[in-house]
Amino acid sequence: MAALTDKKALTLSAAKSIAGAAEAAATSMNVPVVISIMDDGANLLYLQRMDGAPLGSVVVSQDKSRSSVLFKTSTKDYETWLAGGLTAMLKLDALPFEGGIPLVSGGQVVGAIGISGGTAPQDGQIALAGVSWLTSQEQ
């Protein structure tokens, strides 16, 4: 019989806390955003739209988090690759705008956060606040 491994799973409670940390960062920057948290299977676990956030950001935030979890990398990486001329990545189902970051626990990707509503660097900074909350729980 094949051995099974232990797998960490992102809980709804943790997703809400991650989103709360991202919301606090967005509020301090005065940038209304949409925050989406996907699980490790790219399924939407939590979505939050701050008052005043663009309606289109609901879809964009989910695309950013889905891109991050599917390829286990930040959407800023896609943006960098595309700017560097790697146009073949456009064939991937990935959104090349900063604001999507994988959520890692114990060395495993357990999901991703996606932020949309500000500029790309603002979205990235807000997403990083959510990631930082998760990282702080492991120390």
Protein backbone atom coordinates (compact mmCIF):
# COMPACT_ATOMS: atom_id res chain seq x y z
CA MET A 1 0.00 0.00 0.00
CA ALA A 2 1.31 3.43 -0.89
CA ALA A 3 2.03 5.80 1.95
CA LEU A 4 -0.09 8.92 2.27
CA THR A 5 1.21 12.31 3.30
CA ASP A 6 -0.18 14.81 5.71
CA LYS A 7 -1.70 17.79 3.96
CA LYS A 8 -2.30 21.18 5.47
CA ALA A 9 -5.60 22.85 4.63
CA LEU A 10 -6.58 26.49 4.76
CA THR A 11 -9.58 26.99 7.05
CA LEU A 12 -12.34 29.55 6.63
CA SER A 13 -11.27 31.10 9.92
CA ALA A 14 -7.69 31.56 8.67
CA ALA A 15 -8.96 32.92 5.34
CA LYS A 16 -11.02 35.53 7.19
CA SER A 17 -8.00 36.53 9.29
CA ILE A 18 -5.81 36.80 6.19
CA ALA A 19 -8.46 38.95 4.54
CA GLY A 20 -8.73 41.05 7.70
CA ALA A 21 -5.02 41.80 7.63
CA ALA A 22 -5.27 42.73 3.95
CA GLU A 23 -8.30 44.92 4.63
CA ALA A 24 -6.45 46.74 7.42
CA ALA A 25 -3.59 47.48 5.00
CA ALA A 26 -6.01 48.66 2.31
CA THR A 27 -7.84 50.88 4.80
CA SER A 28 -4.58 52.45 6.01
CA MET A 29 -3.70 53.17 2.37
CA ASN A 30 -7.22 54.47 1.66
CA VAL A 31 -7.57 51.99 -1.24
CA PRO A 32 -10.88 50.07 -1.44
CA VAL A 33 -10.22 46.61 -2.84
CA VAL A 34 -11.70 43.20 -3.39
CA ILE A 35 -9.97 40.40 -1.48
CA SER A 36 -10.29 36.80 -2.60
CA ILE A 37 -8.84 33.73 -0.95
CA MET A 38 -8.63 30.44 -2.86
CA ASP A 39 -7.85 27.04 -1.35
CA ASP A 40 -5.11 24.80 -2.75
CA GLY A 41 -7.47 23.46 -5.42
CA ALA A 42 -8.19 26.96 -6.76
CA ASN A 43 -11.67 26.96 -5.25
CA LEU A 44 -12.98 30.21 -3.82
CA LEU A 45 -12.94 30.01 -0.03
CA TYR A 46 -13.59 33.65 0.87
CA LEU A 47 -14.39 36.87 -0.97
CA GLN A 48 -14.76 40.37 0.43
CA ARG A 49 -15.52 43.59 -1.46
CA MET A 50 -14.76 46.75 0.47
CA ASP A 51 -17.15 49.67 0.11
CA GLY A 52 -16.23 51.63 -3.00
CA ALA A 53 -14.12 48.90 -4.61
CA PRO A 54 -14.63 48.60 -8.38
CA LEU A 55 -17.17 45.95 -9.41
CA GLY A 56 -14.78 44.54 -12.01
CA SER A 57 -12.29 43.82 -9.25
CA VAL A 58 -14.48 40.96 -8.01
CA VAL A 59 -13.47 38.88 -11.04
CA VAL A 60 -9.91 40.24 -11.26
CA SER A 61 -9.09 39.42 -7.63
CA GLN A 62 -10.29 35.85 -8.14
CA ASP A 63 -8.25 35.54 -11.34
CA LYS A 64 -5.15 36.73 -9.49
CA SER A 65 -5.57 34.28 -6.61
CA ARG A 66 -6.42 31.41 -9.00
CA SER A 67 -3.33 32.17 -11.12
CA SER A 68 -1.13 32.18 -8.02
CA VAL A 69 -2.36 28.90 -6.62
CA LEU A 70 -2.40 27.03 -9.95
CA PHE A 71 1.19 27.87 -10.79
CA LYS A 72 2.43 28.32 -7.19
CA THR A 73 3.93 31.72 -7.90
CA SER A 74 3.13 35.39 -7.51
CA THR A 75 1.27 37.15 -10.31
CA LYS A 76 4.01 39.78 -10.13
CA ASP A 77 6.31 37.08 -11.55
CA TYR A 78 3.98 36.76 -14.58
CA GLU A 79 4.06 40.53 -14.99
CA THR A 80 7.87 40.52 -14.88
CA TRP A 81 8.12 37.64 -17.36
CA LEU A 82 5.75 39.34 -19.80
CA ALA A 83 7.59 42.67 -19.52
CA GLY A 84 10.81 40.76 -20.25
CA GLY A 85 9.40 39.47 -23.52
CA LEU A 86 8.20 36.01 -22.48
CA THR A 87 4.97 36.31 -24.45
CA ALA A 88 4.44 32.53 -24.53
CA MET A 89 3.11 32.83 -20.97
CA LEU A 90 0.02 34.50 -22.46
CA LYS A 91 -1.06 30.97 -23.45
CA LEU A 92 -1.43 30.15 -19.75
CA ASP A 93 -4.64 30.80 -17.91
CA ALA A 94 -2.87 33.30 -15.68
CA LEU A 95 -3.40 36.99 -15.00
CA PRO A 96 -0.10 38.93 -15.30
CA PHE A 97 -0.83 41.76 -12.84
CA GLU A 98 0.63 42.14 -9.37
CA GLY A 99 -1.70 41.32 -6.47
CA GLY A 100 -1.87 37.52 -6.36
CA ILE A 101 0.40 35.65 -3.95
CA PRO A 102 0.44 31.98 -2.91
CA LEU A 103 -0.28 31.20 0.74
CA VAL A 104 2.33 28.81 2.12
CA SER A 105 2.25 26.91 5.41
CA GLY A 106 4.84 24.36 6.43
CA GLY A 107 6.40 24.54 2.98
CA GLN A 108 3.10 23.64 1.30
CA VAL A 109 0.97 25.93 -0.87
CA VAL A 110 -2.38 25.91 0.93
CA GLY A 111 -4.07 28.54 -1.21
CA ALA A 112 -3.61 32.06 -2.51
CA ILE A 113 -4.74 35.61 -1.95
CA GLY A 114 -5.81 37.92 -4.76
CA ILE A 115 -6.28 41.67 -4.42
CA SER A 116 -7.77 44.05 -6.98
CA GLY A 117 -8.89 47.67 -6.82
CA GLY A 118 -5.72 49.74 -6.50
CA THR A 119 -2.69 50.08 -8.69
CA ALA A 120 -0.71 46.89 -9.28
CA PRO A 121 1.92 47.83 -6.64
CA GLN A 122 -0.82 48.75 -4.14
CA ASP A 123 -2.59 45.45 -4.75
CA GLY A 124 0.71 43.61 -4.22
CA GLN A 125 1.41 45.45 -0.96
CA ILE A 126 -2.09 44.72 0.35
CA ALA A 127 -1.81 41.03 -0.61
CA LEU A 128 1.53 40.86 1.18
CA ALA A 129 -0.16 42.06 4.38
CA GLY A 130 -2.45 39.01 4.23
CA VAL A 131 0.49 36.69 3.54
CA SER A 132 2.37 38.23 6.46
CA TRP A 133 -0.48 37.39 8.83
CA LEU A 134 -0.25 33.72 7.85
CA THR A 135 3.54 33.71 8.14
CA SER A 136 3.31 35.24 11.63
CA GLN A 137 1.15 32.31 12.77
CA GLU A 138 3.95 29.84 12.09
CA GLN A 139 6.50 31.49 14.31
